Amino acid sequence: MTEPPFVPRERLFEKQQFFQSIHKHTYLKGPMDKITSVAIPAALAATSIALIAQGIYNMSHGIGKKE
């Protein structure tokens, strides 16, 4: 008794041909991979830099101190 495959064999061959024909880095081969490996880390870096700059500004001007 064998299980049917999750993906049809023809679709699997199409995906293999697609990924083998692209000459990019392996982590940027999919259509949505630019979002997960470029945009999200860039947004996190920009946010952290902005928060660090705000903290330095607040410390240098004495804003937000507890009494």
N, C-alpha and C. Protein backbone atom coordinates (compact mmCIF):
# COMPACT_ATOMS: atom_id res chain seq x y z
N MET A 1 0.85 -1.17 0.00
CA MET A 1 0.00 0.00 0.00
C MET A 1 0.90 1.24 0.00
N THR A 2 0.75 2.07 -1.02
CA THR A 2 1.58 3.27 -1.10
C THR A 2 0.70 4.50 -0.96
N GLU A 3 1.32 5.56 -0.45
CA GLU A 3 0.62 6.83 -0.27
C GLU A 3 0.71 7.65 -1.55
N PRO A 4 -0.31 8.40 -1.87
CA PRO A 4 -0.18 9.30 -3.03
C PRO A 4 0.75 10.47 -2.65
N PRO A 5 1.49 11.00 -3.60
CA PRO A 5 2.41 12.10 -3.29
C PRO A 5 1.64 13.38 -2.96
N PHE A 6 2.28 14.26 -2.21
CA PHE A 6 1.66 15.52 -1.84
C PHE A 6 1.50 16.43 -3.05
N VAL A 7 2.50 16.43 -3.92
CA VAL A 7 2.50 17.29 -5.10
C VAL A 7 2.57 16.40 -6.33
N PRO A 8 1.81 16.72 -7.37
CA PRO A 8 1.91 15.92 -8.59
C PRO A 8 3.34 15.95 -9.15
N ARG A 9 3.74 14.87 -9.76
CA ARG A 9 5.10 14.73 -10.25
C ARG A 9 5.43 15.79 -11.31
N GLU A 10 4.48 16.14 -12.15
CA GLU A 10 4.73 17.14 -13.20
C GLU A 10 5.02 18.51 -12.59
N ARG A 11 4.25 18.85 -11.56
CA ARG A 11 4.48 20.15 -10.91
C ARG A 11 5.85 20.18 -10.23
N LEU A 12 6.24 19.06 -9.66
CA LEU A 12 7.56 18.98 -9.03
C LEU A 12 8.67 19.17 -10.06
N PHE A 13 8.52 18.55 -11.23
CA PHE A 13 9.52 18.72 -12.29
C PHE A 13 9.57 20.16 -12.79
N GLU A 14 8.41 20.82 -12.87
CA GLU A 14 8.39 22.23 -13.27
C GLU A 14 9.15 23.10 -12.27
N LYS A 15 8.91 22.86 -10.98
CA LYS A 15 9.61 23.64 -9.95
C LYS A 15 11.11 23.38 -9.99
N GLN A 16 11.51 22.13 -10.21
CA GLN A 16 12.94 21.81 -10.29
C GLN A 16 13.58 22.52 -11.46
N GLN A 17 12.92 22.52 -12.61
CA GLN A 17 13.47 23.21 -13.77
C GLN A 17 13.57 24.71 -13.52
N PHE A 18 12.57 25.28 -12.83
CA PHE A 18 12.58 26.71 -12.52
C PHE A 18 13.77 27.06 -11.64
N PHE A 19 13.97 26.30 -10.57
CA PHE A 19 15.05 26.61 -9.64
C PHE A 19 16.42 26.30 -10.22
N GLN A 20 16.54 25.33 -11.10
CA GLN A 20 17.82 25.00 -11.70
C GLN A 20 18.20 25.99 -12.80
N SER A 21 17.21 26.68 -13.37
CA SER A 21 17.52 27.60 -14.47
C SER A 21 17.92 28.99 -13.97
N ILE A 22 17.60 29.34 -12.74
CA ILE A 22 17.91 30.67 -12.22
C ILE A 22 19.35 30.70 -11.73
N HIS A 23 20.07 31.76 -12.10
CA HIS A 23 21.47 31.89 -11.68
C HIS A 23 21.58 33.00 -10.64
N LYS A 24 20.92 32.79 -9.52
CA LYS A 24 21.00 33.71 -8.38
C LYS A 24 21.50 32.93 -7.17
N HIS A 25 21.65 33.64 -6.06
CA HIS A 25 21.98 32.95 -4.82
C HIS A 25 20.82 32.06 -4.43
N THR A 26 21.10 30.98 -3.73
CA THR A 26 20.05 30.02 -3.40
C THR A 26 18.99 30.59 -2.48
N TYR A 27 19.32 31.58 -1.66
CA TYR A 27 18.33 32.12 -0.73
C TYR A 27 17.45 33.19 -1.38
N LEU A 28 17.67 33.52 -2.66
CA LEU A 28 16.84 34.51 -3.36
C LEU A 28 16.15 33.92 -4.58
N LYS A 29 15.98 32.61 -4.63
CA LYS A 29 15.44 32.00 -5.84
C LYS A 29 13.93 32.05 -5.94
N GLY A 30 13.22 32.03 -4.83
CA GLY A 30 11.77 32.03 -4.88
C GLY A 30 11.23 33.42 -5.14
N PRO A 31 9.97 33.53 -5.55
CA PRO A 31 9.40 34.85 -5.84
C PRO A 31 9.21 35.72 -4.60
N MET A 32 8.98 35.12 -3.44
CA MET A 32 8.76 35.89 -2.22
C MET A 32 9.98 35.94 -1.31
N ASP A 33 11.10 35.40 -1.74
CA ASP A 33 12.27 35.32 -0.88
C ASP A 33 12.95 36.66 -0.67
N LYS A 34 12.75 37.60 -1.57
CA LYS A 34 13.35 38.92 -1.38
C LYS A 34 12.74 39.63 -0.17
N ILE A 35 11.48 39.34 0.11
CA ILE A 35 10.82 39.97 1.26
C ILE A 35 11.41 39.43 2.55
N THR A 36 11.56 38.09 2.64
CA THR A 36 12.00 37.51 3.90
C THR A 36 13.49 37.67 4.14
N SER A 37 14.31 37.75 3.10
CA SER A 37 15.73 37.81 3.34
C SER A 37 16.34 39.18 3.11
N VAL A 38 15.57 40.15 2.62
CA VAL A 38 16.10 41.50 2.42
C VAL A 38 15.25 42.53 3.14
N ALA A 39 13.95 42.55 2.90
CA ALA A 39 13.10 43.63 3.40
C ALA A 39 12.90 43.57 4.91
N ILE A 40 12.63 42.40 5.45
CA ILE A 40 12.38 42.28 6.89
C ILE A 40 13.63 42.60 7.71
N PRO A 41 14.81 42.04 7.37
CA PRO A 41 16.00 42.44 8.14
C PRO A 41 16.34 43.93 7.99
N ALA A 42 16.11 44.50 6.82
CA ALA A 42 16.38 45.93 6.64
C ALA A 42 15.44 46.77 7.50
N ALA A 43 14.17 46.37 7.59
CA ALA A 43 13.22 47.10 8.42
C ALA A 43 13.59 46.98 9.90
N LEU A 44 14.00 45.79 10.33
CA LEU A 44 14.41 45.62 11.72
C LEU A 44 15.64 46.46 12.04
N ALA A 45 16.61 46.50 11.13
CA ALA A 45 17.82 47.29 11.35
C ALA A 45 17.48 48.78 11.41
N ALA A 46 16.63 49.25 10.52
CA ALA A 46 16.27 50.67 10.52
C ALA A 46 15.52 51.05 11.80
N THR A 47 14.63 50.18 12.25
CA THR A 47 13.89 50.45 13.48
C THR A 47 14.82 50.49 14.68
N SER A 48 15.74 49.55 14.76
CA SER A 48 16.66 49.53 15.90
C SER A 48 17.58 50.73 15.90
N ILE A 49 18.04 51.16 14.73
CA ILE A 49 18.90 52.34 14.66
C ILE A 49 18.12 53.58 15.09
N ALA A 50 16.85 53.69 14.68
CA ALA A 50 16.04 54.84 15.08
C ALA A 50 15.82 54.85 16.59
N LEU A 51 15.54 53.70 17.20
CA LEU A 51 15.33 53.65 18.65
C LEU A 51 16.61 53.95 19.43
N ILE A 52 17.74 53.48 18.94
CA ILE A 52 19.02 53.79 19.60
C ILE A 52 19.30 55.28 19.52
N ALA A 53 19.06 55.88 18.34
CA ALA A 53 19.29 57.33 18.20
C ALA A 53 18.36 58.12 19.12
N GLN A 54 17.11 57.69 19.25
CA GLN A 54 16.18 58.37 20.15
C GLN A 54 16.64 58.24 21.60
N GLY A 55 17.14 57.09 21.98
CA GLY A 55 17.63 56.90 23.34
C GLY A 55 18.85 57.75 23.64
N ILE A 56 19.75 57.85 22.68
CA ILE A 56 20.94 58.70 22.88
C ILE A 56 20.52 60.16 23.01
N TYR A 57 19.58 60.60 22.17
CA TYR A 57 19.10 61.98 22.25
C TYR A 57 18.45 62.26 23.61
N ASN A 58 17.61 61.32 24.06
CA ASN A 58 16.93 61.52 25.34
C ASN A 58 17.94 61.55 26.49
N MET A 59 18.96 60.67 26.46
CA MET A 59 19.97 60.68 27.53
C MET A 59 20.79 61.95 27.52
N SER A 60 21.12 62.46 26.34
CA SER A 60 21.96 63.64 26.29
C SER A 60 21.20 64.92 26.71
N HIS A 61 19.89 64.92 26.57
CA HIS A 61 19.09 66.09 26.95
C HIS A 61 18.36 65.89 28.28
N GLY A 62 18.49 64.74 28.90
CA GLY A 62 17.86 64.50 30.20
C GLY A 62 16.36 64.34 30.12
N ILE A 63 15.85 63.86 29.03
CA ILE A 63 14.40 63.70 28.86
C ILE A 63 14.00 62.32 29.36
N GLY A 64 12.88 62.28 30.08
CA GLY A 64 12.32 61.00 30.50
C GLY A 64 12.96 60.40 31.72
N LYS A 65 13.64 61.20 32.53
CA LYS A 65 14.26 60.65 33.76
C LYS A 65 13.21 60.44 34.82
N LYS A 66 13.39 59.40 35.62
CA LYS A 66 12.51 59.18 36.76
C LYS A 66 13.04 59.96 37.95
N GLU A 67 12.13 60.49 38.73
CA GLU A 67 12.54 61.32 39.87
C GLU A 67 12.86 60.48 41.06
